[in-house]
C-alpha atoms as a PDB file:
ATOM      1  CA  MET A   1       0.076   0.067   0.110  1.00  0.00           C
ATOM      2  CA  ILE A   2       2.607   2.553   0.977  1.00  0.00           C
ATOM      3  CA  GLY A   3       4.595   1.633  -2.291  1.00  0.00           C
ATOM      4  CA  LYS A   4       1.477   2.612  -4.183  1.00  0.00           C
ATOM      5  CA  LEU A   5       1.044   5.605  -2.520  1.00  0.00           C
ATOM      6  CA  LYS A   6       4.770   6.681  -3.451  1.00  0.00           C
ATOM      7  CA  PHE A   7       4.288   5.644  -7.148  1.00  0.00           C
ATOM      8  CA  ASN A   8       0.879   7.780  -7.236  1.00  0.00           C
ATOM      9  CA  PHE A   9       3.240  10.588  -5.443  1.00  0.00           C
ATOM     10  CA  VAL A  10       5.645  10.177  -7.791  1.00  0.00           C
ATOM     11  CA  ILE A  11       3.510  10.225 -10.980  1.00  0.00           C
ATOM     12  CA  PHE A  12       1.648  13.302  -9.402  1.00  0.00           C
ATOM     13  CA  LEU A  13       4.886  15.061  -9.082  1.00  0.00           C
ATOM     14  CA  SER A  14       6.035  14.417 -12.389  1.00  0.00           C
ATOM     15  CA  LEU A  15       2.831  15.721 -13.901  1.00  0.00           C
ATOM     16  CA  SER A  16       3.051  18.680 -11.951  1.00  0.00           C
ATOM     17  CA  ILE A  17       6.524  19.208 -13.080  1.00  0.00           C
ATOM     18  CA  ILE A  18       5.536  18.873 -16.945  1.00  0.00           C
ATOM     19  CA  PHE A  19       2.811  21.352 -16.349  1.00  0.00           C
ATOM     20  CA  VAL A  20       4.820  24.105 -14.669  1.00  0.00           C
ATOM     21  CA  ILE A  21       7.534  23.341 -17.397  1.00  0.00           C
ATOM     22  CA  LEU A  22       4.784  23.669 -20.341  1.00  0.00           C
ATOM     23  CA  PHE A  23       3.139  26.952 -18.596  1.00  0.00           C
ATOM     24  CA  SER A  24       6.847  28.542 -18.147  1.00  0.00           C
ATOM     25  CA  LEU A  25       7.276  28.006 -21.859  1.00  0.00           C
ATOM     26  CA  ILE A  26       4.263  29.205 -22.908  1.00  0.00           C
ATOM     27  CA  THR A  27       4.829  32.250 -20.653  1.00  0.00           C
ATOM     28  CA  ILE A  28       8.228  32.730 -22.236  1.00  0.00           C
ATOM     29  CA  GLU A  29       6.845  32.220 -25.847  1.00  0.00           C
ATOM     30  CA  ASN A  30       3.969  35.163 -25.152  1.00  0.00           C
ATOM     31  CA  ASN A  31       6.963  37.048 -23.623  1.00  0.00           C
ATOM     32  CA  ARG A  32       9.269  36.553 -26.523  1.00  0.00           C
ATOM     33  CA  MET A  33       6.545  37.272 -29.176  1.00  0.00           C
ATOM     34  CA  LYS A  34       5.801  40.620 -27.528  1.00  0.00           C
ATOM     35  CA  ASN A  35       9.261  41.419 -26.034  1.00  0.00           C
ATOM     36  CA  SER A  36      10.346  44.129 -28.867  1.00  0.00           C
ATOM     37  CA  ASP A  37      10.166  47.423 -28.044  1.00  0.00           C
ATOM     38  CA  THR A  38       7.649  48.411 -31.071  1.00  0.00           C
ATOM     39  CA  VAL A  39       5.459  44.765 -30.994  1.00  0.00           C
ATOM     40  CA  GLU A  40       2.293  45.644 -29.415  1.00  0.00           C
ATOM     41  CA  TYR A  41       0.077  43.174 -30.843  1.00  0.00           C
ATOM     42  CA  VAL A  42       0.276  39.844 -32.140  1.00  0.00           C
ATOM     43  CA  ILE A  43      -2.179  38.482 -34.736  1.00  0.00           C
ATOM     44  CA  GLY A  44      -2.494  34.944 -35.767  1.00  0.00           C
ATOM     45  CA  MET A  45      -3.619  34.280 -39.605  1.00  0.00           C
ATOM     46  CA  SER A  46      -4.968  30.789 -40.219  1.00  0.00           C
ATOM     47  CA  GLN A  47      -5.146  30.034 -43.947  1.00  0.00           C
ATOM     48  CA  ALA A  48      -7.235  27.250 -45.526  1.00  0.00           C
ATOM     49  CA  ASN A  49      -4.423  26.551 -48.088  1.00  0.00           C
ATOM     50  CA  LEU A  50      -1.708  27.949 -50.006  1.00  0.00           C
ATOM     51  CA  TYR A  51      -1.953  26.006 -53.247  1.00  0.00           C
ATOM     52  CA  GLU A  52      -4.722  28.090 -54.616  1.00  0.00           C
ATOM     53  CA  PRO A  53      -3.024  31.322 -56.318  1.00  0.00           C
ATOM     54  CA  TRP A  54      -6.154  33.471 -54.859  1.00  0.00           C
ATOM     55  CA  ARG A  55      -5.384  32.374 -51.125  1.00  0.00           C
ATOM     56  CA  ILE A  56      -1.419  32.947 -51.871  1.00  0.00           C
ATOM     57  CA  SER A  57      -2.531  36.609 -52.991  1.00  0.00           C
ATOM     58  CA  MET A  58      -4.478  36.713 -49.926  1.00  0.00           C
ATOM     59  CA  ASN A  59      -1.539  36.124 -47.714  1.00  0.00           C
ATOM     60  CA  GLU A  60       0.850  38.562 -49.617  1.00  0.00           C
ATOM     61  CA  GLU A  61      -1.695  41.082 -49.359  1.00  0.00           C
ATOM     62  CA  ILE A  62      -1.751  40.879 -45.621  1.00  0.00           C
ATOM     63  CA  VAL A  63       2.162  40.695 -45.732  1.00  0.00           C
ATOM     64  CA  ASN A  64       2.496  43.734 -47.679  1.00  0.00           C
ATOM     65  CA  GLU A  65       0.028  45.935 -45.564  1.00  0.00           C
ATOM     66  CA  ALA A  66       1.493  44.415 -42.413  1.00  0.00           C
ATOM     67  CA  LYS A  67       4.625  46.282 -43.648  1.00  0.00           C
ATOM     68  CA  LYS A  68       2.875  49.548 -42.691  1.00  0.00           C
ATOM     69  CA  TYR A  69       3.002  49.149 -39.229  1.00  0.00           C
ATOM     70  CA  LYS A  70       6.065  48.263 -36.695  1.00  0.00           C
ATOM     71  CA  ASN A  71       3.684  47.596 -33.455  1.00  0.00           C
ATOM     72  CA  ILE A  72       2.325  44.271 -35.005  1.00  0.00           C
ATOM     73  CA  ARG A  73       3.643  40.688 -35.537  1.00  0.00           C
ATOM     74  CA  ILE A  74       1.721  38.265 -37.434  1.00  0.00           C
ATOM     75  CA  ILE A  75       1.819  34.408 -36.962  1.00  0.00           C
ATOM     76  CA  TYR A  76       0.820  32.471 -40.213  1.00  0.00           C
ATOM     77  CA  LYS A  77      -0.405  28.766 -40.440  1.00  0.00           C
ATOM     78  CA  ASP A  78      -1.236  26.889 -43.741  1.00  0.00           C
ATOM     79  CA  ALA A  79      -3.734  24.165 -43.431  1.00  0.00           C
ATOM     80  CA  GLY A  80      -3.082  22.570 -46.621  1.00  0.00           C
ATOM     81  CA  GLY A  81      -6.620  22.181 -47.208  1.00  0.00           C
ATOM     82  CA  ASP A  82      -7.217  19.933 -44.412  1.00  0.00           C
ATOM     83  CA  THR A  83     -10.003  20.999 -41.830  1.00  0.00           C
ATOM     84  CA  ASN A  84      -8.900  18.882 -38.919  1.00  0.00           C
ATOM     85  CA  LYS A  85      -5.291  20.793 -39.468  1.00  0.00           C
ATOM     86  CA  GLN A  86      -7.082  23.954 -39.400  1.00  0.00           C
ATOM     87  CA  LYS A  87      -8.640  23.290 -36.240  1.00  0.00           C
ATOM     88  CA  LYS A  88      -5.329  22.239 -34.611  1.00  0.00           C
ATOM     89  CA  ASP A  89      -3.748  25.426 -36.252  1.00  0.00           C
ATOM     90  CA  ILE A  90      -6.341  27.651 -34.716  1.00  0.00           C
ATOM     91  CA  ASP A  91      -5.740  26.041 -31.221  1.00  0.00           C
ATOM     92  CA  GLU A  92      -2.163  26.557 -31.330  1.00  0.00           C
ATOM     93  CA  LEU A  93      -2.493  30.092 -32.135  1.00  0.00           C
ATOM     94  CA  LEU A  94      -4.962  30.909 -29.492  1.00  0.00           C
ATOM     95  CA  ASP A  95      -2.748  28.523 -27.230  1.00  0.00           C
ATOM     96  CA  SER A  96       0.280  31.009 -28.030  1.00  0.00           C
ATOM     97  CA  GLY A  97      -1.263  34.128 -26.953  1.00  0.00           C
ATOM     98  CA  VAL A  98      -2.412  35.946 -30.047  1.00  0.00           C
ATOM     99  CA  ASP A  99      -4.417  39.050 -29.783  1.00  0.00           C
ATOM    100  CA  LEU A 100      -6.848  38.693 -32.489  1.00  0.00           C
ATOM    101  CA  LEU A 101      -7.458  35.836 -34.994  1.00  0.00           C
ATOM    102  CA  ILE A 102      -7.652  36.218 -39.051  1.00  0.00           C
ATOM    103  CA  VAL A 103      -9.308  33.073 -40.540  1.00  0.00           C
ATOM    104  CA  SER A 104      -9.719  32.098 -43.994  1.00  0.00           C
ATOM    105  CA  ILE A 105     -12.056  28.980 -43.714  1.00  0.00           C
ATOM    106  CA  ASN A 106     -11.474  25.613 -45.359  1.00  0.00           C
ATOM    107  CA  ASP A 107     -14.944  24.391 -44.231  1.00  0.00           C
ATOM    108  CA  SER A 108     -17.454  26.619 -43.031  1.00  0.00           C
ATOM    109  CA  GLU A 109     -19.977  24.034 -41.377  1.00  0.00           C
ATOM    110  CA  LYS A 110     -16.994  21.923 -39.650  1.00  0.00           C
ATOM    111  CA  LEU A 111     -15.160  24.796 -38.526  1.00  0.00           C
ATOM    112  CA  THR A 112     -18.210  26.862 -37.233  1.00  0.00           C
ATOM    113  CA  PRO A 113     -17.710  25.525 -33.561  1.00  0.00           C
ATOM    114  CA  GLU A 114     -14.138  26.184 -33.803  1.00  0.00           C
ATOM    115  CA  VAL A 115     -14.428  29.879 -34.522  1.00  0.00           C
ATOM    116  CA  SER A 116     -17.060  30.042 -32.169  1.00  0.00           C
ATOM    117  CA  LYS A 117     -14.550  28.860 -29.386  1.00  0.00           C
ATOM    118  CA  ALA A 118     -11.980  31.102 -30.550  1.00  0.00           C
ATOM    119  CA  TYR A 119     -14.430  34.419 -30.516  1.00  0.00           C
ATOM    120  CA  LYS A 120     -14.795  33.593 -26.843  1.00  0.00           C
ATOM    121  CA  ALA A 121     -10.959  34.037 -26.348  1.00  0.00           C
ATOM    122  CA  VAL A 122     -10.088  36.838 -28.945  1.00  0.00           C
ATOM    123  CA  PRO A 123     -11.741  38.916 -31.444  1.00  0.00           C
ATOM    124  CA  VAL A 124     -12.076  36.819 -35.090  1.00  0.00           C
ATOM    125  CA  VAL A 125     -11.820  38.294 -38.695  1.00  0.00           C
ATOM    126  CA  VAL A 126     -13.162  35.622 -40.748  1.00  0.00           C
ATOM    127  CA  LEU A 127     -12.195  35.811 -44.762  1.00  0.00           C
ATOM    128  CA  ASP A 128     -13.887  34.527 -47.755  1.00  0.00           C
ATOM    129  CA  ARG A 129     -16.464  31.845 -46.184  1.00  0.00           C
ATOM    130  CA  ALA A 130     -18.867  32.803 -43.639  1.00  0.00           C
ATOM    131  CA  VAL A 131     -19.472  30.614 -40.591  1.00  0.00           C
ATOM    132  CA  GLU A 132     -23.164  29.855 -39.268  1.00  0.00           C
ATOM    133  CA  GLY A 133     -24.336  32.443 -36.909  1.00  0.00           C
ATOM    134  CA  TYR A 134     -22.614  35.811 -35.584  1.00  0.00           C
ATOM    135  CA  ASN A 135     -19.658  34.398 -33.402  1.00  0.00           C
ATOM    136  CA  TYR A 136     -17.134  36.478 -35.050  1.00  0.00           C
ATOM    137  CA  SER A 137     -16.079  40.417 -35.076  1.00  0.00           C
ATOM    138  CA  VAL A 138     -16.084  40.874 -38.755  1.00  0.00           C
ATOM    139  CA  TYR A 139     -16.777  38.959 -41.986  1.00  0.00           C
ATOM    140  CA  ILE A 140     -15.017  40.136 -44.927  1.00  0.00           C
ATOM    141  CA  GLY A 141     -15.715  38.595 -48.336  1.00  0.00           C
ATOM    142  CA  PRO A 142     -17.266  38.715 -52.216  1.00  0.00           C
ATOM    143  CA  ASP A 143     -21.044  39.067 -53.266  1.00  0.00           C
ATOM    144  CA  ASN A 144     -20.843  35.475 -54.884  1.00  0.00           C
ATOM    145  CA  GLU A 145     -24.422  35.325 -55.934  1.00  0.00           C
ATOM    146  CA  ASN A 146     -24.160  38.565 -57.680  1.00  0.00           C
ATOM    147  CA  ILE A 147     -20.768  37.417 -59.382  1.00  0.00           C
ATOM    148  CA  GLY A 148     -22.560  34.534 -60.910  1.00  0.00           C
ATOM    149  CA  LYS A 149     -25.420  36.658 -62.174  1.00  0.00           C
ATOM    150  CA  GLU A 150     -22.999  38.768 -63.974  1.00  0.00           C
ATOM    151  CA  ALA A 151     -21.096  35.655 -65.256  1.00  0.00           C
ATOM    152  CA  GLY A 152     -24.385  34.274 -66.576  1.00  0.00           C
ATOM    153  CA  ARG A 153     -25.125  37.740 -68.183  1.00  0.00           C
ATOM    154  CA  MET A 154     -21.583  37.557 -69.893  1.00  0.00           C
ATOM    155  CA  VAL A 155     -22.702  34.361 -71.224  1.00  0.00           C
ATOM    156  CA  VAL A 156     -25.692  35.492 -73.006  1.00  0.00           C
ATOM    157  CA  ASP A 157     -23.692  38.749 -74.270  1.00  0.00           C
ATOM    158  CA  LEU A 158     -21.028  36.331 -75.861  1.00  0.00           C
ATOM    159  CA  MET A 159     -23.882  33.872 -77.366  1.00  0.00           C
ATOM    160  CA  GLU A 160     -25.439  36.854 -79.178  1.00  0.00           C
ATOM    161  CA  ASN A 161     -28.905  35.044 -79.468  1.00  0.00           C
ATOM    162  CA  ASN A 162     -27.036  31.686 -80.749  1.00  0.00           C
ATOM    163  CA  GLU A 163     -27.474  28.503 -79.075  1.00  0.00           C
ATOM    164  CA  GLY A 164     -25.007  28.145 -76.255  1.00  0.00           C
ATOM    165  CA  ARG A 165     -23.952  24.865 -74.615  1.00  0.00           C
ATOM    166  CA  VAL A 166     -22.192  25.556 -71.255  1.00  0.00           C
ATOM    167  CA  VAL A 167     -20.258  23.880 -68.955  1.00  0.00           C
ATOM    168  CA  GLU A 168     -19.609  25.110 -65.466  1.00  0.00           C
ATOM    169  CA  VAL A 169     -16.780  23.975 -63.193  1.00  0.00           C
ATOM    170  CA  GLN A 170     -17.315  24.457 -59.651  1.00  0.00           C
ATOM    171  CA  GLY A 171     -14.458  24.400 -57.132  1.00  0.00           C
ATOM    172  CA  LEU A 172     -15.743  22.140 -54.575  1.00  0.00           C
ATOM    173  CA  LEU A 173     -19.084  20.376 -54.111  1.00  0.00           C
ATOM    174  CA  ASN A 174     -21.497  21.985 -51.760  1.00  0.00           C
ATOM    175  CA  SER A 175     -19.014  24.792 -50.840  1.00  0.00           C
ATOM    176  CA  HIS A 176     -20.624  28.245 -49.915  1.00  0.00           C
ATOM    177  CA  PRO A 177     -18.965  30.516 -52.567  1.00  0.00           C
ATOM    178  CA  ASP A 178     -19.776  27.489 -55.230  1.00  0.00           C
ATOM    179  CA  ILE A 179     -23.630  27.312 -53.931  1.00  0.00           C
ATOM    180  CA  ASP A 180     -24.186  31.093 -54.396  1.00  0.00           C
ATOM    181  CA  ARG A 181     -22.102  31.440 -57.782  1.00  0.00           C
ATOM    182  CA  SER A 182     -23.956  28.826 -59.038  1.00  0.00           C
ATOM    183  CA  LYS A 183     -27.230  30.135 -58.049  1.00  0.00           C
ATOM    184  CA  GLY A 184     -26.753  33.581 -59.375  1.00  0.00           C
ATOM    185  CA  PHE A 185     -25.185  32.133 -62.811  1.00  0.00           C
ATOM    186  CA  ARG A 186     -28.143  29.730 -63.271  1.00  0.00           C
ATOM    187  CA  GLU A 187     -30.774  32.399 -62.578  1.00  0.00           C
ATOM    188  CA  ALA A 188     -29.254  34.860 -64.912  1.00  0.00           C
ATOM    189  CA  ILE A 189     -29.365  32.154 -67.803  1.00  0.00           C
ATOM    190  CA  LYS A 190     -32.559  30.258 -67.071  1.00  0.00           C
ATOM    191  CA  GLN A 191     -34.723  32.716 -69.127  1.00  0.00           C
ATOM    192  CA  TYR A 192     -32.786  32.296 -72.267  1.00  0.00           C
ATOM    193  CA  SER A 193     -34.016  29.006 -74.121  1.00  0.00           C
ATOM    194  CA  ASN A 194     -30.989  29.277 -76.430  1.00  0.00           C
ATOM    195  CA  ILE A 195     -28.601  28.590 -73.788  1.00  0.00           C
ATOM    196  CA  LYS A 196     -28.258  25.403 -71.643  1.00  0.00           C
ATOM    197  CA  ILE A 197     -25.595  24.142 -68.813  1.00  0.00           C
ATOM    198  CA  VAL A 198     -24.725  20.542 -70.195  1.00  0.00           C
ATOM    199  CA  ARG A 199     -22.333  19.474 -67.699  1.00  0.00           C
ATOM    200  CA  THR A 200     -21.080  20.579 -64.284  1.00  0.00           C
ATOM    201  CA  VAL A 201     -17.739  19.449 -63.014  1.00  0.00           C
ATOM    202  CA  ILE A 202     -15.724  19.750 -59.772  1.00  0.00           C
ATOM    203  CA  GLY A 203     -12.491  21.154 -60.274  1.00  0.00           C
ATOM    204  CA  GLU A 204     -11.110  21.360 -56.615  1.00  0.00           C
ATOM    205  CA  TRP A 205     -10.036  24.720 -57.209  1.00  0.00           C
ATOM    206  CA  GLN A 206      -7.038  23.632 -59.290  1.00  0.00           C
ATOM    207  CA  LYS A 207      -5.734  23.891 -62.706  1.00  0.00           C
ATOM    208  CA  ASP A 208      -4.951  20.273 -63.256  1.00  0.00           C
ATOM    209  CA  GLU A 209      -7.819  18.903 -61.849  1.00  0.00           C
ATOM    210  CA  ALA A 210     -10.130  21.100 -64.036  1.00  0.00           C
ATOM    211  CA  GLU A 211      -7.786  20.311 -66.957  1.00  0.00           C
ATOM    212  CA  ASP A 212      -8.099  16.712 -66.604  1.00  0.00           C
ATOM    213  CA  LYS A 213     -11.976  16.697 -65.920  1.00  0.00           C
ATOM    214  CA  ILE A 214     -12.598  19.054 -69.085  1.00  0.00           C
ATOM    215  CA  THR A 215     -10.351  16.677 -71.213  1.00  0.00           C
ATOM    216  CA  GLU A 216     -12.820  13.748 -70.126  1.00  0.00           C
ATOM    217  CA  VAL A 217     -15.928  16.274 -70.982  1.00  0.00           C
ATOM    218  CA  LEU A 218     -14.514  17.266 -74.439  1.00  0.00           C
ATOM    219  CA  LYS A 219     -13.520  13.898 -75.359  1.00  0.00           C
ATOM    220  CA  GLU A 220     -16.988  13.001 -75.128  1.00  0.00           C
ATOM    221  CA  ASP A 221     -18.605  16.236 -76.519  1.00  0.00           C
ATOM    222  CA  LYS A 222     -16.825  18.576 -78.478  1.00  0.00           C
ATOM    223  CA  ASN A 223     -19.891  21.007 -79.161  1.00  0.00           C
ATOM    224  CA  ILE A 224     -19.219  23.021 -76.044  1.00  0.00           C
ATOM    225  CA  ASP A 225     -19.655  26.655 -76.843  1.00  0.00           C
ATOM    226  CA  VAL A 226     -18.779  28.577 -73.454  1.00  0.00           C
ATOM    227  CA  ILE A 227     -16.896  26.936 -70.073  1.00  0.00           C
ATOM    228  CA  PHE A 228     -17.500  29.443 -66.827  1.00  0.00           C
ATOM    229  CA  ALA A 229     -15.000  28.207 -64.111  1.00  0.00           C
ATOM    230  CA  HIS A 230     -15.409  29.511 -60.558  1.00  0.00           C
ATOM    231  CA  SER A 231     -11.867  30.677 -60.526  1.00  0.00           C
ATOM    232  CA  ASP A 232      -9.395  31.678 -63.314  1.00  0.00           C
ATOM    233  CA  TYR A 233      -6.924  29.136 -62.435  1.00  0.00           C
ATOM    234  CA  MET A 234      -9.539  26.515 -62.997  1.00  0.00           C
ATOM    235  CA  ALA A 235     -10.345  28.382 -66.495  1.00  0.00           C
ATOM    236  CA  LEU A 236      -6.795  28.191 -67.376  1.00  0.00           C
ATOM    237  CA  GLY A 237      -6.917  24.421 -66.902  1.00  0.00           C
ATOM    238  CA  ALA A 238      -9.999  24.342 -69.012  1.00  0.00           C
ATOM    239  CA  TYR A 239      -8.291  26.383 -71.719  1.00  0.00           C
ATOM    240  CA  LYS A 240      -5.305  24.254 -71.578  1.00  0.00           C
ATOM    241  CA  ALA A 241      -7.596  20.839 -72.052  1.00  0.00           C
ATOM    242  CA  ALA A 242      -9.448  22.493 -75.138  1.00  0.00           C
ATOM    243  CA  TYR A 243      -6.004  23.607 -76.647  1.00  0.00           C
ATOM    244  CA  LYS A 244      -4.494  20.171 -76.252  1.00  0.00           C
ATOM    245  CA  LEU A 245      -7.667  18.743 -78.225  1.00  0.00           C
ATOM    246  CA  GLY A 246      -7.206  21.452 -80.997  1.00  0.00           C
ATOM    247  CA  ILE A 247     -10.336  23.191 -80.040  1.00  0.00           C
ATOM    248  CA  HIS A 248     -10.010  26.748 -80.172  1.00  0.00           C
ATOM    249  CA  ASN A 249     -13.537  28.239 -80.300  1.00  0.00           C
ATOM    250  CA  ILE A 250     -14.528  27.455 -76.789  1.00  0.00           C
ATOM    251  CA  LYS A 251     -15.335  31.143 -74.818  1.00  0.00           C
ATOM    252  CA  ILE A 252     -13.841  30.638 -71.466  1.00  0.00           C
ATOM    253  CA  ILE A 253     -14.624  32.736 -68.094  1.00  0.00           C
ATOM    254  CA  GLY A 254     -13.191  32.801 -64.809  1.00  0.00           C
ATOM    255  CA  VAL A 255     -13.379  34.711 -61.533  1.00  0.00           C
ATOM    256  CA  ASP A 256     -10.968  36.101 -59.547  1.00  0.00           C
ATOM    257  CA  GLY A 257      -8.941  38.738 -61.713  1.00  0.00           C
ATOM    258  CA  LEU A 258      -5.620  38.730 -59.922  1.00  0.00           C
ATOM    259  CA  THR A 259      -2.576  40.507 -61.222  1.00  0.00           C
ATOM    260  CA  GLY A 260       0.902  38.976 -62.385  1.00  0.00           C
ATOM    261  CA  GLU A 261       1.638  36.282 -64.838  1.00  0.00           C
ATOM    262  CA  ASN A 262      -1.251  34.020 -65.511  1.00  0.00           C
ATOM    263  CA  GLY A 263      -3.639  35.809 -63.097  1.00  0.00           C
ATOM    264  CA  GLY A 264      -6.996  36.521 -64.409  1.00  0.00           C
ATOM    265  CA  LEU A 265      -6.085  40.038 -66.285  1.00  0.00           C
ATOM    266  CA  ASP A 266      -3.127  38.643 -67.933  1.00  0.00           C
ATOM    267  CA  LEU A 267      -4.989  35.642 -69.236  1.00  0.00           C
ATOM    268  CA  VAL A 268      -7.747  38.042 -70.453  1.00  0.00           C
ATOM    269  CA  SER A 269      -5.204  40.562 -72.085  1.00  0.00           C
ATOM    270  CA  ARG A 270      -3.705  37.477 -74.078  1.00  0.00           C
ATOM    271  CA  GLY A 271      -7.143  36.211 -75.158  1.00  0.00           C
ATOM    272  CA  ILE A 272      -7.063  33.281 -73.113  1.00  0.00           C
ATOM    273  CA  LEU A 273     -10.030  34.238 -71.305  1.00  0.00           C
ATOM    274  CA  ASP A 274     -13.042  35.969 -72.802  1.00  0.00           C
ATOM    275  CA  GLY A 275     -13.507  37.495 -69.273  1.00  0.00           C
ATOM    276  CA  THR A 276     -13.217  37.386 -65.495  1.00  0.00           C
ATOM    277  CA  PHE A 277     -14.573  39.154 -62.616  1.00  0.00           C
ATOM    278  CA  THR A 278     -12.502  40.442 -59.959  1.00  0.00           C
ATOM    279  CA  CYS A 279     -12.794  38.846 -56.397  1.00  0.00           C
ATOM    280  CA  SER A 280     -10.789  40.962 -53.865  1.00  0.00           C
ATOM    281  CA  THR A 281      -9.139  38.596 -51.259  1.00  0.00           C
ATOM    282  CA  GLY A 282      -9.910  40.913 -48.562  1.00  0.00           C
ATOM    283  CA  GLY A 283      -6.372  40.611 -47.131  1.00  0.00           C
ATOM    284  CA  LYS A 284      -5.875  44.529 -46.927  1.00  0.00           C
ATOM    285  CA  GLU A 285      -9.345  45.065 -45.542  1.00  0.00           C
ATOM    286  CA  ALA A 286      -8.808  42.120 -42.807  1.00  0.00           C
ATOM    287  CA  LEU A 287      -5.665  43.858 -41.302  1.00  0.00           C
ATOM    288  CA  GLU A 288      -7.265  47.143 -41.411  1.00  0.00           C
ATOM    289  CA  CYS A 289     -10.563  45.896 -39.288  1.00  0.00           C
ATOM    290  CA  ALA A 290      -7.876  44.028 -37.026  1.00  0.00           C
ATOM    291  CA  LEU A 291      -6.000  47.003 -36.198  1.00  0.00           C
ATOM    292  CA  ASN A 292      -9.263  49.030 -35.861  1.00  0.00           C
ATOM    293  CA  ILE A 293     -10.770  46.495 -33.528  1.00  0.00           C
ATOM    294  CA  LEU A 294      -7.280  46.199 -31.426  1.00  0.00           C
ATOM    295  CA  ASN A 295      -7.167  50.092 -30.980  1.00  0.00           C
ATOM    296  CA  LYS A 296     -10.818  50.048 -29.861  1.00  0.00           C
ATOM    297  CA  LYS A 297     -11.901  52.228 -32.761  1.00  0.00           C
ATOM    298  CA  ASN A 298     -15.816  52.950 -32.978  1.00  0.00           C
ATOM    299  CA  LYS A 299     -18.179  51.543 -35.730  1.00  0.00           C
ATOM    300  CA  ILE A 300     -16.667  48.241 -36.728  1.00  0.00           C
ATOM    301  CA  GLN A 301     -18.826  47.046 -39.488  1.00  0.00           C
ATOM    302  CA  LYS A 302     -20.139  42.908 -38.980  1.00  0.00           C
ATOM    303  CA  LYS A 303     -19.959  42.214 -42.385  1.00  0.00           C
ATOM    304  CA  ILE A 304     -18.026  44.031 -45.632  1.00  0.00           C
ATOM    305  CA  ILE A 305     -18.782  42.875 -49.022  1.00  0.00           C
ATOM    306  CA  LEU A 306     -15.995  43.574 -51.443  1.00  0.00           C
ATOM    307  CA  LYS A 307     -16.552  45.219 -54.710  1.00  0.00           C
ATOM    308  CA  SER A 308     -16.305  43.258 -57.868  1.00  0.00           C
ATOM    309  CA  ASP A 309     -15.416  44.465 -61.568  1.00  0.00           C
ATOM    310  CA  LYS A 310     -16.457  42.552 -64.821  1.00  0.00           C
ATOM    311  CA  ILE A 311     -13.221  42.721 -67.110  1.00  0.00           C
ATOM    312  CA  THR A 312     -13.467  41.933 -70.744  1.00  0.00           C
ATOM    313  CA  LYS A 313     -10.694  42.664 -73.694  1.00  0.00           C
ATOM    314  CA  ASN A 314     -12.206  46.168 -73.957  1.00  0.00           C
ATOM    315  CA  ASN A 315     -11.558  47.432 -70.302  1.00  0.00           C
ATOM    316  CA  VAL A 316      -8.543  44.993 -69.280  1.00  0.00           C
ATOM    317  CA  ASN A 317      -5.732  47.147 -70.264  1.00  0.00           C
ATOM    318  CA  GLU A 318      -7.216  50.134 -68.568  1.00  0.00           C
ATOM    319  CA  TYR A 319      -7.793  48.111 -65.550  1.00  0.00           C
ATOM    320  CA  LEU A 320      -4.100  47.013 -65.454  1.00  0.00           C
ATOM    321  CA  ASN A 321      -3.231  50.940 -65.558  1.00  0.00           C
ATOM    322  CA  ASN A 322      -5.303  51.577 -62.779  1.00  0.00           C
ATOM    323  CA  LYS A 323      -7.811  53.766 -64.433  1.00  0.00           C
ATOM    324  CA  PHE A 324     -10.453  51.668 -62.777  1.00  0.00           C
ATOM    325  CA  LYS A 325      -8.805  51.908 -59.387  1.00  0.00           C
ATOM    326  CA  TYR A 326      -8.133  48.474 -58.845  1.00  0.00           C
ATOM    327  CA  LEU A 327      -6.591  49.640 -55.370  1.00  0.00           C
ATOM    328  CA  ARG A 328      -9.833  50.530 -53.998  1.00  0.00           C
ATOM    329  CA  ASP A 329     -10.509  53.234 -51.575  1.00  0.00           C
ATOM    330  CA  ASN A 330     -11.519  51.569 -48.205  1.00  0.00           C
ATOM    331  CA  SER A 331     -15.127  53.365 -48.371  1.00  0.00           C
ATOM    332  CA  LYS A 332     -16.117  51.852 -51.584  1.00  0.00           C
ATOM    333  CA  SER A 333     -14.934  48.454 -50.499  1.00  0.00           C
ATOM    334  CA  GLN A 334     -16.928  48.083 -47.248  1.00  0.00           C
ATOM    335  CA  LYS A 335     -20.727  47.854 -48.758  1.00  0.00           C
ATOM    336  CA  ILE A 336     -22.456  45.803 -51.111  1.00  0.00           C
ATOM    337  CA  ILE A 337     -21.609  47.419 -54.760  1.00  0.00           C
ATOM    338  CA  SER A 338     -23.413  45.759 -57.878  1.00  0.00           C
ATOM    339  CA  ILE A 339     -20.914  44.840 -60.558  1.00  0.00           C
ATOM    340  CA  PRO A 340     -21.434  47.432 -63.253  1.00  0.00           C
END
């Protein structure tokens, strides 16, 4: 009996020592993060993945905006498209003692409880995909349904009353952005009997996946007039599939309108895409909101819907030259603005 008590005491003592060590390490890390003379706030950034160009652009936008401020430090986490990994990332950021969390969500439904839990501890800025309920500080994202409607109207214009057989390339099955874009797209074209959506494929937001899926479609049916992809990256994959099969008369529309090589603006300017719609990442606005929250500024909006613009060969060069204010002023981005 005495031996058992001694054993239990040793176990209890060992666990206590481990707890003290872990607590000390967390305290040291928290102090280290803010030990600089200039660092006042530590912000955690949980990203769904960094294989989509749009999300890479989001992180870059946050990095560039953060360079303007010497009093903040940002800790970045990449979930690699794994929802369970993103849950772990969020927990680790909270445990490290961040003052605010920015999260670009991989799966809205599965991560709602995790975001709600985080919101009890720190302010939370949610990007791109909204969570259920209102347990967050600010939501920032595009008007996906309106983008879909404008894409449908572009298809109508491109067909000019001719028959149009359309393939839609969605990112993920049943994700909120896809649901909303598809809903708007179908509403815009349903009144036109000459236009029909003949296939819908899932491109996983990836160029290669979209290329493979569209290759399969075109091998079965070459009489496709338009492809609407929910991202420019997948639209590029669709173009490569058609080009590889020697089909050059398909009109292709994307979404995102990123700058840089093979970004949507570049693809439109080169004639690879017939059009795209800018879909701001919200990175700049997220950091602005984060600092307003941390500095206890008044009148923080609960929801910010970002402006989108229609880009075609007729305006892409002007847009690239910033005549359309690609770098939007903050007041115009923080409300619902219909696409012209």
